[in-house]
Amino acid sequence: MLTQRAGNVLNILVTEYINTANPVASEEIARLSPTKVSPATVRNAMSLLTDEGYISRPHVSAGAVPLDRGYRYHVETLDEVPPLPDSVQQQIHHHFDRTDADLAELSRRCALVLSRITTNMAIVTVPQARSPRVRHIQLVYLDELSVLVILVLQDARLLRRLLTVDEPTDQGALSQVANYLNDRFSGLALSEIESVSGDYGPLAERVRQSTLSLLREADTYSIPEHYVDGLRWLLNQPEMAQGSQARELVELLEEQVLLDSVLSEQPDSGDIAVFIGGENMEEPLRPFSVILCQYGIPHQASGTICVIGPTRMSYAGAISGVGYLSSLMSSLVLELYGGRAASGGQ
């Protein structure tokens, strides 16, 4: 636990380094302190902060820079994340004032706006259902021993599977089986169908097993549709001019490794998560800080809003931007998708 004086010195140092990208000297911290303090007192505090791993002083005479632990202290001790200025909120709403936008277009606009107000890179995924649910099962006769199973999901995906049966059948028998299964399975997810008992019979049971298999495949993780904006802002940061970080970042984006890493970090619905440098679980994200939040309709259709920047980012502003846009996007998704989701997609 840092003393109040050391904590104040650290927060001044972090804020100044975020603003200037230059190492901060003790004299500058003393000048910026709201209470009178001598450079010697600041140097003593900086020595403690160095020993405790909050800052680094490669060249003592040139000042200090924050480490991941210093940024974490700064984020955790923010008294209150300031709301976005009214003028910025008005600009945001101007981008969303069209009423004919679908979820993909809203996500694209969100990424554009978020990158501009944070001057960092933004990634926004299009909302998707977490657990696919059955809307309709259709059985199509191909020949006496061949059936095409068509599974229509509530998110409008179509899944197909060729099924070979043991006994000759016809379209009439197939339609009866489809009606029987639709009465029981419509609106249900995988786990719910597994718990539904019934006198299925050989053909209905084969179709039921095919349906379960298709749902498992549909529930398998895949990279969601998403939009990236603001790469230019991130590449213009002084940190990106060093070494090969810029090239590696572009490669990660092209291979979608970065998105996969971001989604593995996402918090529960409604929470804003902040991962700083080495706190990121995934190696590709460790040179950066990531601020992200889920949005949408919990347990129905949700997406992710994310800002990626150098560890030297304006955390208060980025947290405000992510929080405001996640709330706005949730409201817009509810308007577009809410009625259908609430009714079970019927």
Protein backbone atom coordinates (compact mmCIF):
# COMPACT_ATOMS: atom_id res chain seq x y z
CA MET A 1 0.00 0.00 0.00
CA LEU A 2 1.49 3.32 -1.06
CA THR A 3 1.49 6.34 1.19
CA GLN A 4 -0.73 9.21 0.10
CA ARG A 5 2.32 11.27 -0.86
CA ALA A 6 3.80 8.50 -3.00
CA GLY A 7 0.41 7.86 -4.57
CA ASN A 8 0.00 11.53 -5.44
CA VAL A 9 3.47 11.63 -6.98
CA LEU A 10 2.69 8.52 -9.02
CA ASN A 11 -0.62 9.85 -10.34
CA ILE A 12 0.96 13.17 -11.35
CA LEU A 13 3.77 11.28 -13.09
CA VAL A 14 1.35 8.98 -14.95
CA THR A 15 -0.91 11.84 -16.05
CA GLU A 16 2.02 13.92 -17.30
CA TYR A 17 3.57 10.97 -19.13
CA ILE A 18 0.23 10.19 -20.82
CA ASN A 19 0.05 13.79 -22.01
CA THR A 20 3.64 14.20 -23.20
CA ALA A 21 5.12 10.72 -23.85
CA ASN A 22 8.33 12.05 -22.26
CA PRO A 23 9.98 10.88 -19.03
CA VAL A 24 8.86 13.02 -16.11
CA ALA A 25 11.43 14.68 -13.84
CA SER A 26 11.02 15.28 -10.11
CA GLU A 27 11.13 19.05 -10.62
CA GLU A 28 8.18 18.85 -13.00
CA ILE A 29 6.15 16.75 -10.55
CA ALA A 30 6.88 19.26 -7.76
CA ARG A 31 5.71 22.09 -10.02
CA LEU A 32 2.49 20.27 -10.95
CA SER A 33 1.63 19.17 -7.41
CA PRO A 34 -1.52 20.83 -6.00
CA THR A 35 0.20 20.98 -2.61
CA LYS A 36 3.63 22.48 -1.99
CA VAL A 37 6.31 19.80 -2.12
CA SER A 38 10.05 19.98 -2.74
CA PRO A 39 11.86 18.18 -5.59
CA ALA A 40 13.91 16.32 -2.95
CA THR A 41 10.72 14.95 -1.37
CA VAL A 42 9.49 13.92 -4.82
CA ARG A 43 12.80 12.17 -5.54
CA ASN A 44 12.46 10.16 -2.32
CA ALA A 45 8.95 9.11 -3.33
CA MET A 46 10.18 8.22 -6.82
CA SER A 47 12.92 6.06 -5.34
CA LEU A 48 10.28 4.13 -3.39
CA LEU A 49 8.09 3.81 -6.48
CA THR A 50 11.05 2.46 -8.43
CA ASP A 51 11.85 -0.13 -5.78
CA GLU A 52 8.20 -1.23 -5.66
CA GLY A 53 7.94 -1.65 -9.43
CA TYR A 54 5.56 1.23 -10.20
CA ILE A 55 7.95 3.27 -12.33
CA SER A 56 11.19 2.91 -14.22
CA ARG A 57 14.09 5.35 -14.24
CA PRO A 58 16.54 4.20 -16.92
CA HIS A 59 18.42 7.48 -16.52
CA VAL A 60 17.69 9.12 -13.18
CA SER A 61 18.56 12.59 -14.38
CA ALA A 62 16.14 12.29 -17.33
CA GLY A 63 13.07 11.45 -15.22
CA ALA A 64 10.83 8.39 -14.94
CA VAL A 65 8.15 6.53 -16.87
CA PRO A 66 5.30 4.42 -15.49
CA LEU A 67 5.32 0.65 -15.57
CA ASP A 68 2.20 -1.54 -15.83
CA ARG A 69 1.80 -1.52 -12.05
CA GLY A 70 1.91 2.27 -12.04
CA TYR A 71 -0.81 2.50 -14.67
CA ARG A 72 -2.91 0.01 -12.70
CA TYR A 73 -2.63 2.16 -9.57
CA HIS A 74 -3.64 5.18 -11.64
CA VAL A 75 -6.75 3.42 -12.98
CA GLU A 76 -7.76 2.01 -9.60
CA THR A 77 -7.47 5.38 -7.87
CA LEU A 78 -9.46 7.41 -10.37
CA ASP A 79 -11.93 9.23 -8.12
CA GLU A 80 -14.61 9.25 -10.80
CA VAL A 81 -14.53 8.64 -14.53
CA PRO A 82 -15.76 11.92 -16.00
CA PRO A 83 -18.73 11.73 -18.39
CA LEU A 84 -18.17 12.57 -22.02
CA PRO A 85 -18.65 16.29 -22.72
CA ASP A 86 -22.09 17.24 -24.03
CA SER A 87 -20.57 18.30 -27.35
CA VAL A 88 -19.01 14.84 -27.82
CA GLN A 89 -22.29 13.12 -26.91
CA GLN A 90 -24.07 15.23 -29.52
CA GLN A 91 -21.51 14.29 -32.14
CA ILE A 92 -21.97 10.62 -31.29
CA HIS A 93 -25.74 10.78 -31.61
CA HIS A 94 -25.34 12.54 -34.97
CA HIS A 95 -23.62 9.39 -36.29
CA PHE A 96 -26.52 7.22 -35.13
CA ASP A 97 -29.46 9.42 -36.13
CA ARG A 98 -30.44 7.35 -39.18
CA THR A 99 -33.21 4.89 -38.43
CA ASP A 100 -32.61 2.45 -41.30
CA ALA A 101 -29.33 1.00 -40.00
CA ASP A 102 -28.99 -2.71 -39.30
CA LEU A 103 -26.79 -4.25 -36.60
CA ALA A 104 -23.75 -4.49 -38.87
CA GLU A 105 -23.99 -0.82 -39.85
CA LEU A 106 -24.43 0.24 -36.22
CA SER A 107 -21.33 -1.74 -35.27
CA ARG A 108 -19.33 -0.12 -38.07
CA ARG A 109 -20.36 3.36 -36.94
CA CYS A 110 -19.56 2.51 -33.33
CA ALA A 111 -15.99 1.50 -34.25
CA LEU A 112 -15.56 4.71 -36.26
CA VAL A 113 -16.83 6.97 -33.46
CA LEU A 114 -14.94 5.19 -30.67
CA SER A 115 -11.63 5.38 -32.51
CA ARG A 116 -12.10 9.11 -33.08
CA ILE A 117 -12.99 10.06 -29.52
CA THR A 118 -10.19 7.95 -27.99
CA THR A 119 -7.60 8.47 -30.78
CA ASN A 120 -6.82 4.77 -30.56
CA MET A 121 -7.84 1.65 -32.39
CA ALA A 122 -11.38 0.35 -31.85
CA ILE A 123 -12.83 -3.08 -32.54
CA VAL A 124 -16.59 -3.69 -32.41
CA THR A 125 -18.21 -7.06 -33.06
CA VAL A 126 -21.70 -7.42 -34.49
CA PRO A 127 -24.13 -8.85 -31.90
CA GLN A 128 -24.78 -12.55 -32.21
CA ALA A 129 -26.74 -15.15 -30.28
CA ARG A 130 -24.73 -16.96 -27.66
CA SER A 131 -26.57 -20.27 -27.84
CA PRO A 132 -28.23 -21.06 -31.17
CA ARG A 133 -31.91 -21.94 -30.93
CA VAL A 134 -34.10 -23.92 -33.28
CA ARG A 135 -36.69 -22.09 -35.30
CA HIS A 136 -37.75 -24.89 -37.63
CA ILE A 137 -36.74 -28.37 -38.79
CA GLN A 138 -37.49 -29.40 -42.36
CA LEU A 139 -37.03 -32.89 -43.84
CA VAL A 140 -36.71 -33.21 -47.60
CA TYR A 141 -37.18 -36.55 -49.40
CA LEU A 142 -34.31 -37.36 -51.78
CA ASP A 143 -34.89 -41.06 -52.31
CA GLU A 144 -36.25 -43.96 -50.25
CA LEU A 145 -33.15 -44.12 -48.03
CA SER A 146 -31.84 -40.55 -48.24
CA VAL A 147 -33.16 -37.50 -46.38
CA LEU A 148 -31.92 -33.91 -46.30
CA VAL A 149 -32.21 -32.40 -42.81
CA ILE A 150 -32.53 -28.59 -42.91
CA LEU A 151 -32.22 -26.83 -39.56
CA VAL A 152 -33.29 -23.19 -39.47
CA LEU A 153 -31.95 -21.27 -36.45
CA GLN A 154 -33.53 -18.24 -34.86
CA ASP A 155 -30.64 -16.05 -36.01
CA ALA A 156 -31.60 -17.01 -39.60
CA ARG A 157 -28.74 -19.44 -40.21
CA LEU A 158 -29.48 -22.53 -42.28
CA LEU A 159 -27.72 -25.79 -41.46
CA ARG A 160 -27.98 -28.89 -43.63
CA ARG A 161 -27.06 -32.55 -43.26
CA LEU A 162 -27.62 -35.58 -45.47
CA LEU A 163 -29.11 -38.45 -43.50
CA THR A 164 -29.21 -42.08 -44.64
CA VAL A 165 -32.10 -44.04 -43.08
CA ASP A 166 -32.43 -47.77 -42.48
CA GLU A 167 -36.00 -48.20 -43.73
CA PRO A 168 -37.60 -46.82 -46.93
CA THR A 169 -39.59 -43.63 -46.34
CA ASP A 170 -41.55 -41.00 -48.26
CA GLN A 171 -42.23 -37.25 -47.97
CA GLY A 172 -45.48 -37.77 -46.07
CA ALA A 173 -43.74 -39.73 -43.30
CA LEU A 174 -40.92 -37.18 -43.19
CA SER A 175 -43.37 -34.29 -42.82
CA GLN A 176 -45.06 -36.05 -39.88
CA VAL A 177 -41.69 -36.52 -38.14
CA ALA A 178 -40.74 -32.88 -38.78
CA ASN A 179 -44.04 -31.64 -37.34
CA TYR A 180 -43.63 -33.86 -34.28
CA LEU A 181 -40.09 -32.55 -33.62
CA ASN A 182 -40.99 -28.92 -34.31
CA ASP A 183 -43.76 -29.10 -31.71
CA ARG A 184 -41.16 -30.11 -29.14
CA PHE A 185 -37.97 -28.34 -30.20
CA SER A 186 -39.00 -24.97 -31.66
CA GLY A 187 -37.36 -22.16 -29.68
CA LEU A 188 -35.05 -24.48 -27.73
CA ALA A 189 -31.26 -24.55 -27.46
CA LEU A 190 -29.01 -27.59 -27.41
CA SER A 191 -29.11 -28.34 -23.69
CA GLU A 192 -32.87 -27.91 -23.57
CA ILE A 193 -33.46 -30.32 -26.45
CA GLU A 194 -31.24 -32.91 -24.76
CA SER A 195 -33.55 -32.85 -21.74
CA VAL A 196 -36.81 -33.24 -23.73
CA SER A 197 -38.12 -36.79 -23.44
CA GLY A 198 -40.49 -38.37 -25.95
CA ASP A 199 -41.48 -41.48 -27.87
CA TYR A 200 -39.38 -40.60 -30.89
CA GLY A 201 -39.21 -43.83 -32.83
CA PRO A 202 -36.25 -44.84 -35.04
CA LEU A 203 -36.59 -42.13 -37.73
CA ALA A 204 -37.42 -39.27 -35.36
CA GLU A 205 -34.53 -40.27 -33.10
CA ARG A 206 -32.11 -40.21 -36.05
CA VAL A 207 -33.32 -36.72 -36.96
CA ARG A 208 -33.09 -35.64 -33.32
CA GLN A 209 -29.46 -36.78 -33.14
CA SER A 210 -28.68 -34.95 -36.39
CA THR A 211 -30.29 -31.81 -34.96
CA LEU A 212 -28.19 -32.03 -31.80
CA SER A 213 -25.04 -32.55 -33.85
CA LEU A 214 -25.80 -29.53 -36.04
CA LEU A 215 -26.45 -27.37 -32.97
CA ARG A 216 -23.12 -28.40 -31.47
CA GLU A 217 -21.38 -27.35 -34.69
CA ALA A 218 -23.26 -24.06 -34.72
CA ASP A 219 -22.26 -23.41 -31.11
CA THR A 220 -18.59 -23.97 -31.87
CA TYR A 221 -16.61 -20.76 -31.53
CA SER A 222 -16.01 -18.81 -34.72
CA ILE A 223 -14.68 -15.31 -35.38
CA PRO A 224 -17.73 -13.03 -35.38
CA GLU A 225 -18.37 -10.33 -37.93
CA HIS A 226 -16.55 -7.23 -36.75
CA TYR A 227 -15.28 -3.78 -37.65
CA VAL A 228 -11.88 -2.21 -36.96
CA ASP A 229 -11.21 1.50 -37.12
CA GLY A 230 -8.45 3.84 -35.98
CA LEU A 231 -5.41 1.74 -36.84
CA ARG A 232 -3.84 4.96 -38.13
CA TRP A 233 -4.28 6.58 -34.70
CA LEU A 234 -2.50 3.71 -33.00
CA LEU A 235 0.33 3.55 -35.53
CA ASN A 236 0.95 7.29 -35.03
CA GLN A 237 1.66 6.83 -31.32
CA PRO A 238 5.36 7.35 -30.43
CA GLU A 239 5.59 3.84 -28.97
CA MET A 240 4.75 2.28 -32.34
CA ALA A 241 7.79 3.86 -33.97
CA GLN A 242 10.05 1.65 -31.88
CA GLY A 243 11.09 -1.79 -33.06
CA SER A 244 8.74 -3.99 -35.08
CA GLN A 245 5.51 -3.38 -33.14
CA ALA A 246 3.70 -1.71 -36.04
CA ARG A 247 4.40 -4.56 -38.48
CA GLU A 248 3.48 -7.19 -35.90
CA LEU A 249 0.22 -5.42 -35.10
CA VAL A 250 -0.84 -5.32 -38.75
CA GLU A 251 -0.02 -9.02 -39.10
CA LEU A 252 -2.09 -9.85 -36.03
CA LEU A 253 -5.04 -7.93 -37.47
CA GLU A 254 -4.79 -9.61 -40.86
CA GLU A 255 -4.65 -13.06 -39.28
CA GLN A 256 -7.51 -12.17 -36.86
CA VAL A 257 -5.30 -13.27 -33.96
CA LEU A 258 -5.83 -9.91 -32.28
CA LEU A 259 -9.63 -10.22 -32.30
CA ASP A 260 -9.44 -13.79 -31.00
CA SER A 261 -7.23 -12.57 -28.15
CA VAL A 262 -9.58 -9.68 -27.33
CA LEU A 263 -12.67 -11.89 -27.18
CA SER A 264 -10.92 -14.29 -24.81
CA GLU A 265 -10.61 -11.40 -22.32
CA GLN A 266 -14.18 -10.09 -22.42
CA PRO A 267 -15.91 -9.56 -19.05
CA ASP A 268 -19.44 -10.32 -17.98
CA SER A 269 -22.23 -8.29 -19.50
CA GLY A 270 -22.30 -4.69 -18.27
CA ASP A 271 -18.78 -4.64 -16.81
CA ILE A 272 -15.92 -2.61 -18.25
CA ALA A 273 -12.61 -4.44 -18.10
CA VAL A 274 -9.21 -2.79 -18.28
CA PHE A 275 -6.14 -4.91 -19.06
CA ILE A 276 -2.78 -3.14 -18.94
CA GLY A 277 0.24 -4.50 -20.75
CA GLY A 278 1.39 -7.72 -19.13
CA GLU A 279 -2.00 -8.18 -17.44
CA ASN A 280 -3.37 -9.39 -20.77
CA MET A 281 -3.63 -13.16 -20.76
CA GLU A 282 -2.88 -13.44 -24.47
CA GLU A 283 0.68 -12.80 -25.66
CA PRO A 284 -0.27 -10.68 -28.72
CA LEU A 285 -1.97 -8.10 -26.48
CA ARG A 286 0.81 -7.63 -23.93
CA PRO A 287 2.44 -4.63 -25.59
CA PHE A 288 -0.92 -2.81 -25.33
CA SER A 289 -3.69 -1.81 -22.97
CA VAL A 290 -7.20 -3.05 -23.72
CA ILE A 291 -10.49 -1.59 -22.50
CA LEU A 292 -13.58 -3.56 -23.42
CA CYS A 293 -17.21 -4.13 -22.58
CA GLN A 294 -20.06 -6.30 -23.82
CA TYR A 295 -23.23 -4.70 -25.13
CA GLY A 296 -26.58 -5.86 -26.41
CA ILE A 297 -29.29 -8.05 -24.89
CA PRO A 298 -27.94 -10.37 -22.16
CA HIS A 299 -28.32 -14.07 -23.04
CA GLN A 300 -29.89 -13.14 -26.39
CA ALA A 301 -27.68 -11.12 -28.72
CA SER A 302 -24.44 -9.54 -27.55
CA GLY A 303 -21.35 -7.96 -29.05
CA THR A 304 -18.08 -6.52 -27.78
CA ILE A 305 -16.76 -2.94 -27.84
CA CYS A 306 -13.02 -2.58 -27.42
CA VAL A 307 -10.30 0.08 -27.44
CA ILE A 308 -6.68 -0.97 -27.97
CA GLY A 309 -3.88 1.49 -27.41
CA PRO A 310 -0.42 1.81 -25.91
CA THR A 311 -0.14 1.46 -22.15
CA ARG A 312 0.32 5.24 -22.23
CA MET A 313 -3.32 5.94 -23.04
CA SER A 314 -5.86 8.30 -21.51
CA TYR A 315 -7.64 5.71 -19.39
CA ALA A 316 -10.34 8.00 -18.02
CA GLY A 317 -11.36 9.16 -21.50
CA ALA A 318 -11.25 5.67 -23.00
CA ILE A 319 -13.30 4.17 -20.16
CA SER A 320 -15.87 6.96 -20.57
CA GLY A 321 -16.08 6.35 -24.31
CA VAL A 322 -16.46 2.59 -24.02
CA GLY A 323 -19.08 2.92 -21.28
CA TYR A 324 -21.14 5.51 -23.11
CA LEU A 325 -21.12 3.69 -26.44
CA SER A 326 -21.85 0.29 -24.90
CA SER A 327 -24.96 1.78 -23.24
CA LEU A 328 -26.04 3.50 -26.46
CA MET A 329 -25.47 0.39 -28.57
CA SER A 330 -27.41 -1.77 -26.09
CA SER A 331 -30.39 0.56 -26.46
CA LEU A 332 -30.16 0.46 -30.26
CA VAL A 333 -29.86 -3.33 -30.34
CA LEU A 334 -32.90 -3.60 -28.09
CA GLU A 335 -34.88 -1.42 -30.51
CA LEU A 336 -33.87 -3.49 -33.54
CA TYR A 337 -33.73 -6.96 -32.04
CA GLY A 338 -35.52 -6.77 -28.72
CA GLY A 339 -39.03 -7.62 -29.80
CA ARG A 340 -37.88 -10.65 -31.74
CA ALA A 341 -35.59 -11.78 -28.92
CA ALA A 342 -38.22 -11.33 -26.23
CA SER A 343 -40.72 -13.40 -28.18
CA GLY A 344 -38.26 -16.22 -28.59
CA GLY A 345 -37.72 -15.47 -32.27
CA GLN A 346 -41.15 -16.66 -33.26
